[in-house]
Amino acid sequence: MTAGLSSPGRIDTLVRRFDQNYRDKVAWWRDYPLPCLGCGIKGHHFRQRRSRARISALVDVNPHKQGRFAPGTGTAVVGPESLRGRPVRSIIVMNPLYRDEVAQAAHELGLAPDIIGA
């Protein structure tokens, strides 16, 4: 007989799997410097909450935000063009609605990074 989805053993397994997946993702963020697209409140909050992650830059298309630094972390805010020629393996996108747009812009810059939703 198969254990139900809400059986104590199944719940325990799911909790352990979630915990390990979370730890693996945090470790991955620490290992690779990543640009993070989107400097609105979600981008700043993400950067502050992931202070141990190696976020190399906050990228925003708004020219009024570029050349400044994120409050609380001092992370540089740069334009997408600044990524050209850099060894960008992955980009974190704050809003999944822009995933395809970011992938296209990266391609136009000569990049082929993994696009990761936050």
PDB file of N, CA and C in Angstrom:
ATOM      1  N   MET A   1       0.841  -1.186   0.000  1.00  0.00           N
ATOM      2  CA  MET A   1       0.000   0.000   0.000  1.00  0.00           C
ATOM      3  C   MET A   1       0.884   1.246   0.000  1.00  0.00           C
ATOM      4  N   THR A   2       0.581   2.193  -0.834  1.00  0.00           N
ATOM      5  CA  THR A   2       1.365   3.414  -0.966  1.00  0.00           C
ATOM      6  C   THR A   2       0.964   4.421   0.112  1.00  0.00           C
ATOM      7  N   ALA A   3       1.994   5.070   0.690  1.00  0.00           N
ATOM      8  CA  ALA A   3       1.720   6.094   1.702  1.00  0.00           C
ATOM      9  C   ALA A   3       1.037   7.284   1.053  1.00  0.00           C
ATOM     10  N   GLY A   4       0.074   7.852   1.747  1.00  0.00           N
ATOM     11  CA  GLY A   4      -0.630   9.019   1.228  1.00  0.00           C
ATOM     12  C   GLY A   4       0.269  10.244   1.180  1.00  0.00           C
ATOM     13  N   LEU A   5      -0.163  11.245   0.412  1.00  0.00           N
ATOM     14  CA  LEU A   5       0.623  12.480   0.287  1.00  0.00           C
ATOM     15  C   LEU A   5       0.798  13.186   1.618  1.00  0.00           C
ATOM     16  N   SER A   6      -0.149  12.984   2.532  1.00  0.00           N
ATOM     17  CA  SER A   6      -0.056  13.695   3.810  1.00  0.00           C
ATOM     18  C   SER A   6       0.461  12.806   4.944  1.00  0.00           C
ATOM     19  N   SER A   7       0.999  11.653   4.603  1.00  0.00           N
ATOM     20  CA  SER A   7       1.522  10.795   5.667  1.00  0.00           C
ATOM     21  C   SER A   7       2.748  11.455   6.288  1.00  0.00           C
ATOM     22  N   PRO A   8       2.994  11.232   7.582  1.00  0.00           N
ATOM     23  CA  PRO A   8       4.141  11.854   8.265  1.00  0.00           C
ATOM     24  C   PRO A   8       5.479  11.557   7.579  1.00  0.00           C
ATOM     25  N   GLY A   9       5.662  10.341   7.088  1.00  0.00           N
ATOM     26  CA  GLY A   9       6.915  10.001   6.410  1.00  0.00           C
ATOM     27  C   GLY A   9       7.096  10.782   5.123  1.00  0.00           C
ATOM     28  N   ARG A  10       6.022  10.934   4.371  1.00  0.00           N
ATOM     29  CA  ARG A  10       6.071  11.680   3.099  1.00  0.00           C
ATOM     30  C   ARG A  10       6.358  13.157   3.361  1.00  0.00           C
ATOM     31  N   ILE A  11       5.697  13.726   4.344  1.00  0.00           N
ATOM     32  CA  ILE A  11       5.915  15.136   4.680  1.00  0.00           C
ATOM     33  C   ILE A  11       7.363  15.352   5.120  1.00  0.00           C
ATOM     34  N   ASP A  12       7.881  14.462   5.937  1.00  0.00           N
ATOM     35  CA  ASP A  12       9.262  14.560   6.393  1.00  0.00           C
ATOM     36  C   ASP A  12      10.237  14.524   5.212  1.00  0.00           C
ATOM     37  N   THR A  13       9.980  13.629   4.263  1.00  0.00           N
ATOM     38  CA  THR A  13      10.825  13.528   3.067  1.00  0.00           C
ATOM     39  C   THR A  13      10.776  14.818   2.255  1.00  0.00           C
ATOM     40  N   LEU A  14       9.577  15.363   2.060  1.00  0.00           N
ATOM     41  CA  LEU A  14       9.431  16.600   1.285  1.00  0.00           C
ATOM     42  C   LEU A  14      10.127  17.774   1.969  1.00  0.00           C
ATOM     43  N   VAL A  15      10.016  17.850   3.289  1.00  0.00           N
ATOM     44  CA  VAL A  15      10.671  18.937   4.034  1.00  0.00           C
ATOM     45  C   VAL A  15      12.183  18.825   3.897  1.00  0.00           C
ATOM     46  N   ARG A  16      12.725  17.612   4.040  1.00  0.00           N
ATOM     47  CA  ARG A  16      14.176  17.439   3.890  1.00  0.00           C
ATOM     48  C   ARG A  16      14.634  17.782   2.476  1.00  0.00           C
ATOM     49  N   ARG A  17      13.856  17.374   1.478  1.00  0.00           N
ATOM     50  CA  ARG A  17      14.210  17.683   0.087  1.00  0.00           C
ATOM     51  C   ARG A  17      14.187  19.192  -0.164  1.00  0.00           C
ATOM     52  N   PHE A  18      13.152  19.873   0.347  1.00  0.00           N
ATOM     53  CA  PHE A  18      13.073  21.321   0.200  1.00  0.00           C
ATOM     54  C   PHE A  18      14.280  21.994   0.850  1.00  0.00           C
ATOM     55  N   ASP A  19      14.596  21.571   2.072  1.00  0.00           N
ATOM     56  CA  ASP A  19      15.730  22.152   2.800  1.00  0.00           C
ATOM     57  C   ASP A  19      17.024  21.969   2.013  1.00  0.00           C
ATOM     58  N   GLN A  20      17.252  20.780   1.480  1.00  0.00           N
ATOM     59  CA  GLN A  20      18.479  20.535   0.729  1.00  0.00           C
ATOM     60  C   GLN A  20      18.511  21.343  -0.563  1.00  0.00           C
ATOM     61  N   ASN A  21      17.381  21.416  -1.274  1.00  0.00           N
ATOM     62  CA  ASN A  21      17.327  22.225  -2.500  1.00  0.00           C
ATOM     63  C   ASN A  21      17.616  23.689  -2.209  1.00  0.00           C
ATOM     64  N   TYR A  22      17.058  24.200  -1.111  1.00  0.00           N
ATOM     65  CA  TYR A  22      17.302  25.586  -0.717  1.00  0.00           C
ATOM     66  C   TYR A  22      18.788  25.808  -0.427  1.00  0.00           C
ATOM     67  N   ARG A  23      19.387  24.920   0.353  1.00  0.00           N
ATOM     68  CA  ARG A  23      20.811  25.047   0.686  1.00  0.00           C
ATOM     69  C   ARG A  23      21.685  24.963  -0.567  1.00  0.00           C
ATOM     70  N   ASP A  24      21.334  24.075  -1.488  1.00  0.00           N
ATOM     71  CA  ASP A  24      22.086  23.946  -2.738  1.00  0.00           C
ATOM     72  C   ASP A  24      22.015  25.235  -3.561  1.00  0.00           C
ATOM     73  N   LYS A  25      20.824  25.839  -3.618  1.00  0.00           N
ATOM     74  CA  LYS A  25      20.664  27.070  -4.397  1.00  0.00           C
ATOM     75  C   LYS A  25      21.455  28.221  -3.775  1.00  0.00           C
ATOM     76  N   VAL A  26      21.407  28.351  -2.458  1.00  0.00           N
ATOM     77  CA  VAL A  26      22.171  29.401  -1.776  1.00  0.00           C
ATOM     78  C   VAL A  26      23.667  29.192  -2.010  1.00  0.00           C
ATOM     79  N   ALA A  27      24.130  27.953  -1.912  1.00  0.00           N
ATOM     80  CA  ALA A  27      25.551  27.665  -2.154  1.00  0.00           C
ATOM     81  C   ALA A  27      25.928  28.019  -3.583  1.00  0.00           C
ATOM     82  N   TRP A  28      25.047  27.730  -4.517  1.00  0.00           N
ATOM     83  CA  TRP A  28      25.319  28.056  -5.921  1.00  0.00           C
ATOM     84  C   TRP A  28      25.437  29.567  -6.095  1.00  0.00           C
ATOM     85  N   TRP A  29      24.532  30.333  -5.463  1.00  0.00           N
ATOM     86  CA  TRP A  29      24.593  31.789  -5.551  1.00  0.00           C
ATOM     87  C   TRP A  29      25.904  32.315  -5.000  1.00  0.00           C
ATOM     88  N   ARG A  30      26.428  31.681  -3.956  1.00  0.00           N
ATOM     89  CA  ARG A  30      27.691  32.138  -3.364  1.00  0.00           C
ATOM     90  C   ARG A  30      28.874  31.843  -4.271  1.00  0.00           C
ATOM     91  N   ASP A  31      28.795  30.780  -5.044  1.00  0.00           N
ATOM     92  CA  ASP A  31      29.934  30.341  -5.845  1.00  0.00           C
ATOM     93  C   ASP A  31      30.139  31.136  -7.129  1.00  0.00           C
ATOM     94  N   TYR A  32      29.099  31.726  -7.671  1.00  0.00           N
ATOM     95  CA  TYR A  32      29.204  32.395  -8.961  1.00  0.00           C
ATOM     96  C   TYR A  32      28.775  33.847  -8.861  1.00  0.00           C
ATOM     97  N   PRO A  33      29.623  34.761  -9.319  1.00  0.00           N
ATOM     98  CA  PRO A  33      29.179  36.159  -9.363  1.00  0.00           C
ATOM     99  C   PRO A  33      28.154  36.318 -10.477  1.00  0.00           C
ATOM    100  N   LEU A  34      27.020  36.896 -10.155  1.00  0.00           N
ATOM    101  CA  LEU A  34      25.924  37.017 -11.106  1.00  0.00           C
ATOM    102  C   LEU A  34      25.459  38.450 -11.239  1.00  0.00           C
ATOM    103  N   PRO A  35      25.115  38.867 -12.426  1.00  0.00           N
ATOM    104  CA  PRO A  35      24.383  40.125 -12.533  1.00  0.00           C
ATOM    105  C   PRO A  35      22.910  39.850 -12.248  1.00  0.00           C
ATOM    106  N   CYS A  36      22.253  40.792 -11.662  1.00  0.00           N
ATOM    107  CA  CYS A  36      20.844  40.672 -11.301  1.00  0.00           C
ATOM    108  C   CYS A  36      20.090  41.764 -12.046  1.00  0.00           C
ATOM    109  N   LEU A  37      19.146  41.386 -12.911  1.00  0.00           N
ATOM    110  CA  LEU A  37      18.404  42.366 -13.697  1.00  0.00           C
ATOM    111  C   LEU A  37      17.185  42.850 -12.935  1.00  0.00           C
ATOM    112  N   GLY A  38      17.027  44.146 -12.880  1.00  0.00           N
ATOM    113  CA  GLY A  38      15.884  44.756 -12.238  1.00  0.00           C
ATOM    114  C   GLY A  38      16.273  45.395 -10.919  1.00  0.00           C
ATOM    115  N   CYS A  39      16.263  46.709 -10.880  1.00  0.00           N
ATOM    116  CA  CYS A  39      16.694  47.417  -9.672  1.00  0.00           C
ATOM    117  C   CYS A  39      15.539  48.053  -8.943  1.00  0.00           C
ATOM    118  N   GLY A  40      14.347  47.557  -9.188  1.00  0.00           N
ATOM    119  CA  GLY A  40      13.211  48.029  -8.415  1.00  0.00           C
ATOM    120  C   GLY A  40      13.311  47.453  -7.008  1.00  0.00           C
ATOM    121  N   ILE A  41      12.237  47.507  -6.297  1.00  0.00           N
ATOM    122  CA  ILE A  41      12.242  47.065  -4.911  1.00  0.00           C
ATOM    123  C   ILE A  41      12.585  45.588  -4.800  1.00  0.00           C
ATOM    124  N   LYS A  42      12.139  44.774  -5.766  1.00  0.00           N
ATOM    125  CA  LYS A  42      12.452  43.341  -5.703  1.00  0.00           C
ATOM    126  C   LYS A  42      13.953  43.103  -5.847  1.00  0.00           C
ATOM    127  N   GLY A  43      14.600  43.826  -6.738  1.00  0.00           N
ATOM    128  CA  GLY A  43      16.042  43.673  -6.923  1.00  0.00           C
ATOM    129  C   GLY A  43      16.821  44.080  -5.687  1.00  0.00           C
ATOM    130  N   HIS A  44      16.451  45.201  -5.095  1.00  0.00           N
ATOM    131  CA  HIS A  44      17.135  45.661  -3.881  1.00  0.00           C
ATOM    132  C   HIS A  44      16.889  44.692  -2.723  1.00  0.00           C
ATOM    133  N   HIS A  45      15.654  44.256  -2.585  1.00  0.00           N
ATOM    134  CA  HIS A  45      15.326  43.332  -1.499  1.00  0.00           C
ATOM    135  C   HIS A  45      16.091  42.017  -1.689  1.00  0.00           C
ATOM    136  N   PHE A  46      16.112  41.519  -2.915  1.00  0.00           N
ATOM    137  CA  PHE A  46      16.837  40.287  -3.197  1.00  0.00           C
ATOM    138  C   PHE A  46      18.308  40.435  -2.837  1.00  0.00           C
ATOM    139  N   ARG A  47      18.903  41.540  -3.247  1.00  0.00           N
ATOM    140  CA  ARG A  47      20.329  41.775  -2.972  1.00  0.00           C
ATOM    141  C   ARG A  47      20.589  41.867  -1.474  1.00  0.00           C
ATOM    142  N   GLN A  48      19.747  42.564  -0.755  1.00  0.00           N
ATOM    143  CA  GLN A  48      19.951  42.704   0.685  1.00  0.00           C
ATOM    144  C   GLN A  48      19.763  41.376   1.410  1.00  0.00           C
ATOM    145  N   ARG A  49      18.769  40.599   1.014  1.00  0.00           N
ATOM    146  CA  ARG A  49      18.506  39.321   1.674  1.00  0.00           C
ATOM    147  C   ARG A  49      19.547  38.269   1.292  1.00  0.00           C
ATOM    148  N   ARG A  50      20.201  38.436   0.170  1.00  0.00           N
ATOM    149  CA  ARG A  50      21.208  37.477  -0.284  1.00  0.00           C
ATOM    150  C   ARG A  50      22.592  38.104  -0.191  1.00  0.00           C
ATOM    151  N   SER A  51      22.869  38.785   0.915  1.00  0.00           N
ATOM    152  CA  SER A  51      24.112  39.548   1.045  1.00  0.00           C
ATOM    153  C   SER A  51      25.350  38.678   0.926  1.00  0.00           C
ATOM    154  N   ARG A  52      25.228  37.387   1.206  1.00  0.00           N
ATOM    155  CA  ARG A  52      26.387  36.514   1.089  1.00  0.00           C
ATOM    156  C   ARG A  52      26.545  35.980  -0.339  1.00  0.00           C
ATOM    157  N   ALA A  53      25.532  36.169  -1.177  1.00  0.00           N
ATOM    158  CA  ALA A  53      25.640  35.756  -2.575  1.00  0.00           C
ATOM    159  C   ALA A  53      26.556  36.730  -3.298  1.00  0.00           C
ATOM    160  N   ARG A  54      27.182  36.265  -4.326  1.00  0.00           N
ATOM    161  CA  ARG A  54      28.108  37.116  -5.070  1.00  0.00           C
ATOM    162  C   ARG A  54      27.382  37.776  -6.245  1.00  0.00           C
ATOM    163  N   ILE A  55      26.525  38.723  -5.934  1.00  0.00           N
ATOM    164  CA  ILE A  55      25.832  39.487  -6.965  1.00  0.00           C
ATOM    165  C   ILE A  55      26.815  40.526  -7.464  1.00  0.00           C
ATOM    166  N   SER A  56      27.246  40.403  -8.717  1.00  0.00           N
ATOM    167  CA  SER A  56      28.300  41.276  -9.225  1.00  0.00           C
ATOM    168  C   SER A  56      27.791  42.654  -9.612  1.00  0.00           C
ATOM    169  N   ALA A  57      26.518  42.749  -9.977  1.00  0.00           N
ATOM    170  CA  ALA A  57      25.966  44.036 -10.376  1.00  0.00           C
ATOM    171  C   ALA A  57      24.455  43.941 -10.417  1.00  0.00           C
ATOM    172  N   LEU A  58      23.815  45.067 -10.222  1.00  0.00           N
ATOM    173  CA  LEU A  58      22.386  45.189 -10.469  1.00  0.00           C
ATOM    174  C   LEU A  58      22.263  45.890 -11.817  1.00  0.00           C
ATOM    175  N   VAL A  59      21.561  45.273 -12.730  1.00  0.00           N
ATOM    176  CA  VAL A  59      21.441  45.804 -14.091  1.00  0.00           C
ATOM    177  C   VAL A  59      20.037  46.355 -14.266  1.00  0.00           C
ATOM    178  N   ASP A  60      19.957  47.576 -14.797  1.00  0.00           N
ATOM    179  CA  ASP A  60      18.649  48.176 -15.039  1.00  0.00           C
ATOM    180  C   ASP A  60      18.696  48.970 -16.330  1.00  0.00           C
ATOM    181  N   VAL A  61      17.614  48.920 -17.103  1.00  0.00           N
ATOM    182  CA  VAL A  61      17.555  49.660 -18.363  1.00  0.00           C
ATOM    183  C   VAL A  61      17.276  51.146 -18.145  1.00  0.00           C
ATOM    184  N   ASN A  62      16.838  51.523 -16.961  1.00  0.00           N
ATOM    185  CA  ASN A  62      16.536  52.923 -16.659  1.00  0.00           C
ATOM    186  C   ASN A  62      17.840  53.704 -16.496  1.00  0.00           C
ATOM    187  N   PRO A  63      18.125  54.657 -17.404  1.00  0.00           N
ATOM    188  CA  PRO A  63      19.378  55.405 -17.319  1.00  0.00           C
ATOM    189  C   PRO A  63      19.504  56.258 -16.057  1.00  0.00           C
ATOM    190  N   HIS A  64      18.382  56.572 -15.407  1.00  0.00           N
ATOM    191  CA  HIS A  64      18.429  57.363 -14.181  1.00  0.00           C
ATOM    192  C   HIS A  64      18.923  56.545 -12.986  1.00  0.00           C
ATOM    193  N   LYS A  65      18.887  55.225 -13.100  1.00  0.00           N
ATOM    194  CA  LYS A  65      19.392  54.364 -12.030  1.00  0.00           C
ATOM    195  C   LYS A  65      20.846  53.959 -12.262  1.00  0.00           C
ATOM    196  N   GLN A  66      21.272  53.981 -13.515  1.00  0.00           N
ATOM    197  CA  GLN A  66      22.624  53.554 -13.859  1.00  0.00           C
ATOM    198  C   GLN A  66      23.660  54.531 -13.315  1.00  0.00           C
ATOM    199  N   GLY A  67      24.825  53.983 -12.935  1.00  0.00           N
ATOM    200  CA  GLY A  67      25.891  54.811 -12.382  1.00  0.00           C
ATOM    201  C   GLY A  67      25.714  55.110 -10.907  1.00  0.00           C
ATOM    202  N   ARG A  68      24.731  54.517 -10.309  1.00  0.00           N
ATOM    203  CA  ARG A  68      24.476  54.707  -8.880  1.00  0.00           C
ATOM    204  C   ARG A  68      24.768  53.403  -8.152  1.00  0.00           C
ATOM    205  N   PHE A  69      24.492  53.388  -6.868  1.00  0.00           N
ATOM    206  CA  PHE A  69      24.749  52.202  -6.056  1.00  0.00           C
ATOM    207  C   PHE A  69      23.518  51.871  -5.240  1.00  0.00           C
ATOM    208  N   ALA A  70      23.273  50.583  -5.060  1.00  0.00           N
ATOM    209  CA  ALA A  70      22.101  50.131  -4.314  1.00  0.00           C
ATOM    210  C   ALA A  70      22.232  50.504  -2.841  1.00  0.00           C
ATOM    211  N   PRO A  71      21.168  51.029  -2.261  1.00  0.00           N
ATOM    212  CA  PRO A  71      21.222  51.368  -0.844  1.00  0.00           C
ATOM    213  C   PRO A  71      21.394  50.117   0.009  1.00  0.00           C
ATOM    214  N   GLY A  72      22.188  50.243   1.036  1.00  0.00           N
ATOM    215  CA  GLY A  72      22.373  49.141   1.969  1.00  0.00           C
ATOM    216  C   GLY A  72      23.485  48.175   1.607  1.00  0.00           C
ATOM    217  N   THR A  73      23.728  47.979   0.312  1.00  0.00           N
ATOM    218  CA  THR A  73      24.749  47.007  -0.095  1.00  0.00           C
ATOM    219  C   THR A  73      25.885  47.642  -0.882  1.00  0.00           C
ATOM    220  N   GLY A  74      25.617  48.803  -1.490  1.00  0.00           N
ATOM    221  CA  GLY A  74      26.643  49.459  -2.291  1.00  0.00           C
ATOM    222  C   GLY A  74      26.910  48.780  -3.623  1.00  0.00           C
ATOM    223  N   THR A  75      26.051  47.859  -4.030  1.00  0.00           N
ATOM    224  CA  THR A  75      26.220  47.170  -5.306  1.00  0.00           C
ATOM    225  C   THR A  75      25.979  48.152  -6.448  1.00  0.00           C
ATOM    226  N   ALA A  76      26.872  48.145  -7.421  1.00  0.00           N
ATOM    227  CA  ALA A  76      26.757  49.058  -8.564  1.00  0.00           C
ATOM    228  C   ALA A  76      25.519  48.750  -9.391  1.00  0.00           C
ATOM    229  N   VAL A  77      24.869  49.814  -9.863  1.00  0.00           N
ATOM    230  CA  VAL A  77      23.754  49.692 -10.802  1.00  0.00           C
ATOM    231  C   VAL A  77      24.292  50.108 -12.163  1.00  0.00           C
ATOM    232  N   VAL A  78      24.213  49.190 -13.118  1.00  0.00           N
ATOM    233  CA  VAL A  78      24.785  49.419 -14.439  1.00  0.00           C
ATOM    234  C   VAL A  78      23.738  49.165 -15.512  1.00  0.00           C
ATOM    235  N   GLY A  79      24.031  49.610 -16.725  1.00  0.00           N
ATOM    236  CA  GLY A  79      23.160  49.348 -17.861  1.00  0.00           C
ATOM    237  C   GLY A  79      23.485  48.004 -18.489  1.00  0.00           C
ATOM    238  N   PRO A  80      22.566  47.463 -19.265  1.00  0.00           N
ATOM    239  CA  PRO A  80      22.792  46.164 -19.901  1.00  0.00           C
ATOM    240  C   PRO A  80      24.055  46.111 -20.760  1.00  0.00           C
ATOM    241  N   GLU A  81      24.407  47.209 -21.407  1.00  0.00           N
ATOM    242  CA  GLU A  81      25.601  47.239 -22.265  1.00  0.00           C
ATOM    243  C   GLU A  81      26.872  46.892 -21.507  1.00  0.00           C
ATOM    244  N   SER A  82      26.873  47.134 -20.195  1.00  0.00           N
ATOM    245  CA  SER A  82      28.081  46.856 -19.410  1.00  0.00           C
ATOM    246  C   SER A  82      28.382  45.355 -19.327  1.00  0.00           C
ATOM    247  N   LEU A  83      27.418  44.531 -19.682  1.00  0.00           N
ATOM    248  CA  LEU A  83      27.631  43.077 -19.642  1.00  0.00           C
ATOM    249  C   LEU A  83      28.367  42.557 -20.875  1.00  0.00           C
ATOM    250  N   ARG A  84      28.384  43.359 -21.942  1.00  0.00           N
ATOM    251  CA  ARG A  84      29.028  42.930 -23.186  1.00  0.00           C
ATOM    252  C   ARG A  84      30.504  42.605 -22.920  1.00  0.00           C
ATOM    253  N   GLY A  85      30.921  41.427 -23.364  1.00  0.00           N
ATOM    254  CA  GLY A  85      32.312  41.028 -23.229  1.00  0.00           C
ATOM    255  C   GLY A  85      32.684  40.456 -21.869  1.00  0.00           C
ATOM    256  N   ARG A  86      31.750  40.460 -20.939  1.00  0.00           N
ATOM    257  CA  ARG A  86      32.021  39.887 -19.617  1.00  0.00           C
ATOM    258  C   ARG A  86      31.667  38.401 -19.629  1.00  0.00           C
ATOM    259  N   PRO A  87      32.337  37.608 -18.817  1.00  0.00           N
ATOM    260  CA  PRO A  87      32.023  36.179 -18.766  1.00  0.00           C
ATOM    261  C   PRO A  87      30.776  35.915 -17.916  1.00  0.00           C
ATOM    262  N   VAL A  88      29.630  36.231 -18.464  1.00  0.00           N
ATOM    263  CA  VAL A  88      28.369  36.090 -17.738  1.00  0.00           C
ATOM    264  C   VAL A  88      27.805  34.698 -17.996  1.00  0.00           C
ATOM    265  N   ARG A  89      27.779  33.879 -16.948  1.00  0.00           N
ATOM    266  CA  ARG A  89      27.258  32.512 -17.080  1.00  0.00           C
ATOM    267  C   ARG A  89      25.767  32.449 -16.790  1.00  0.00           C
ATOM    268  N   SER A  90      25.296  33.322 -15.927  1.00  0.00           N
ATOM    269  CA  SER A  90      23.888  33.317 -15.530  1.00  0.00           C
ATOM    270  C   SER A  90      23.448  34.732 -15.206  1.00  0.00           C
ATOM    271  N   ILE A  91      22.148  34.974 -15.379  1.00  0.00           N
ATOM    272  CA  ILE A  91      21.534  36.253 -15.020  1.00  0.00           C
ATOM    273  C   ILE A  91      20.284  35.939 -14.212  1.00  0.00           C
ATOM    274  N   ILE A  92      20.142  36.594 -13.076  1.00  0.00           N
ATOM    275  CA  ILE A  92      18.937  36.445 -12.269  1.00  0.00           C
ATOM    276  C   ILE A  92      17.950  37.526 -12.712  1.00  0.00           C
ATOM    277  N   VAL A  93      16.735  37.122 -13.030  1.00  0.00           N
ATOM    278  CA  VAL A  93      15.694  38.053 -13.461  1.00  0.00           C
ATOM    279  C   VAL A  93      14.659  38.158 -12.347  1.00  0.00           C
ATOM    280  N   MET A  94      14.429  39.370 -11.868  1.00  0.00           N
ATOM    281  CA  MET A  94      13.523  39.574 -10.747  1.00  0.00           C
ATOM    282  C   MET A  94      12.069  39.335 -11.126  1.00  0.00           C
ATOM    283  N   ASN A  95      11.682  39.695 -12.325  1.00  0.00           N
ATOM    284  CA  ASN A  95      10.293  39.534 -12.754  1.00  0.00           C
ATOM    285  C   ASN A  95      10.250  38.521 -13.892  1.00  0.00           C
ATOM    286  N   PRO A  96       9.638  37.357 -13.662  1.00  0.00           N
ATOM    287  CA  PRO A  96       9.619  36.321 -14.695  1.00  0.00           C
ATOM    288  C   PRO A  96       8.918  36.746 -15.979  1.00  0.00           C
ATOM    289  N   LEU A  97       8.109  37.788 -15.938  1.00  0.00           N
ATOM    290  CA  LEU A  97       7.455  38.271 -17.157  1.00  0.00           C
ATOM    291  C   LEU A  97       8.471  38.793 -18.176  1.00  0.00           C
ATOM    292  N   TYR A  98       9.667  39.166 -17.709  1.00  0.00           N
ATOM    293  CA  TYR A  98      10.694  39.715 -18.594  1.00  0.00           C
ATOM    294  C   TYR A  98      11.743  38.687 -19.017  1.00  0.00           C
ATOM    295  N   ARG A  99      11.538  37.437 -18.660  1.00  0.00           N
ATOM    296  CA  ARG A  99      12.526  36.392 -18.939  1.00  0.00           C
ATOM    297  C   ARG A  99      12.907  36.331 -20.414  1.00  0.00           C
ATOM    298  N   ASP A 100      11.911  36.272 -21.312  1.00  0.00           N
ATOM    299  CA  ASP A 100      12.198  36.183 -22.751  1.00  0.00           C
ATOM    300  C   ASP A 100      12.883  37.445 -23.263  1.00  0.00           C
ATOM    301  N   GLU A 101      12.433  38.595 -22.775  1.00  0.00           N
ATOM    302  CA  GLU A 101      13.036  39.875 -23.169  1.00  0.00           C
ATOM    303  C   GLU A 101      14.504  39.948 -22.741  1.00  0.00           C
ATOM    304  N   VAL A 102      14.794  39.491 -21.550  1.00  0.00           N
ATOM    305  CA  VAL A 102      16.170  39.489 -21.043  1.00  0.00           C
ATOM    306  C   VAL A 102      17.024  38.512 -21.848  1.00  0.00           C
ATOM    307  N   ALA A 103      16.470  37.352 -22.152  1.00  0.00           N
ATOM    308  CA  ALA A 103      17.211  36.368 -22.954  1.00  0.00           C
ATOM    309  C   ALA A 103      17.541  36.946 -24.331  1.00  0.00           C
ATOM    310  N   GLN A 104      16.595  37.641 -24.953  1.00  0.00           N
ATOM    311  CA  GLN A 104      16.830  38.254 -26.257  1.00  0.00           C
ATOM    312  C   GLN A 104      17.884  39.358 -26.162  1.00  0.00           C
ATOM    313  N   ALA A 105      17.791  40.197 -25.142  1.00  0.00           N
ATOM    314  CA  ALA A 105      18.775  41.275 -24.960  1.00  0.00           C
ATOM    315  C   ALA A 105      20.166  40.701 -24.726  1.00  0.00           C
ATOM    316  N   ALA A 106      20.262  39.632 -23.939  1.00  0.00           N
ATOM    317  CA  ALA A 106      21.555  38.990 -23.692  1.00  0.00           C
ATOM    318  C   ALA A 106      22.130  38.450 -24.991  1.00  0.00           C
ATOM    319  N   HIS A 107      21.279  37.823 -25.795  1.00  0.00           N
ATOM    320  CA  HIS A 107      21.717  37.302 -27.098  1.00  0.00           C
ATOM    321  C   HIS A 107      22.248  38.433 -27.981  1.00  0.00           C
ATOM    322  N   GLU A 108      21.560  39.565 -27.991  1.00  0.00           N
ATOM    323  CA  GLU A 108      21.993  40.713 -28.795  1.00  0.00           C
ATOM    324  C   GLU A 108      23.314  41.289 -28.305  1.00  0.00           C
ATOM    325  N   LEU A 109      23.638  41.064 -27.027  1.00  0.00           N
ATOM    326  CA  LEU A 109      24.915  41.519 -26.472  1.00  0.00           C
ATOM    327  C   LEU A 109      26.019  40.477 -26.677  1.00  0.00           C
ATOM    328  N   GLY A 110      25.662  39.377 -27.340  1.00  0.00           N
ATOM    329  CA  GLY A 110      26.663  38.331 -27.589  1.00  0.00           C
ATOM    330  C   GLY A 110      26.838  37.391 -26.406  1.00  0.00           C
ATOM    331  N   LEU A 111      25.855  37.340 -25.530  1.00  0.00           N
ATOM    332  CA  LEU A 111      25.918  36.494 -24.342  1.00  0.00           C
ATOM    333  C   LEU A 111      24.985  35.305 -24.490  1.00  0.00           C
ATOM    334  N   ALA A 112      25.287  34.233 -23.812  1.00  0.00           N
ATOM    335  CA  ALA A 112      24.423  33.053 -23.811  1.00  0.00           C
ATOM    336  C   ALA A 112      24.297  32.512 -22.387  1.00  0.00           C
ATOM    337  N   PRO A 113      23.839  33.357 -21.452  1.00  0.00           N
ATOM    338  CA  PRO A 113      23.769  32.916 -20.059  1.00  0.00           C
ATOM    339  C   PRO A 113      22.508  32.097 -19.772  1.00  0.00           C
ATOM    340  N   ASP A 114      22.544  31.380 -18.662  1.00  0.00           N
ATOM    341  CA  ASP A 114      21.318  30.780 -18.124  1.00  0.00           C
ATOM    342  C   ASP A 114      20.515  31.941 -17.557  1.00  0.00           C
ATOM    343  N   ILE A 115      19.228  31.946 -17.810  1.00  0.00           N
ATOM    344  CA  ILE A 115      18.346  32.971 -17.250  1.00  0.00           C
ATOM    345  C   ILE A 115      17.609  32.332 -16.087  1.00  0.00           C
ATOM    346  N   ILE A 116      17.793  32.907 -14.899  1.00  0.00           N
ATOM    347  CA  ILE A 116      17.261  32.330 -13.668  1.00  0.00           C
ATOM    348  C   ILE A 116      16.207  33.271 -13.085  1.00  0.00           C
ATOM    349  N   GLY A 117      15.062  32.751 -12.774  1.00  0.00           N
ATOM    350  CA  GLY A 117      14.029  33.529 -12.093  1.00  0.00           C
ATOM    351  C   GLY A 117      14.303  33.527 -10.603  1.00  0.00           C
ATOM    352  N   ALA A 118      14.157  34.669  -9.971  1.00  0.00           N
ATOM    353  CA  ALA A 118      14.399  34.760  -8.525  1.00  0.00           C
ATOM    354  C   ALA A 118      13.234  34.234  -7.756  1.00  0.00           C
TER     355      ALA A 118
END
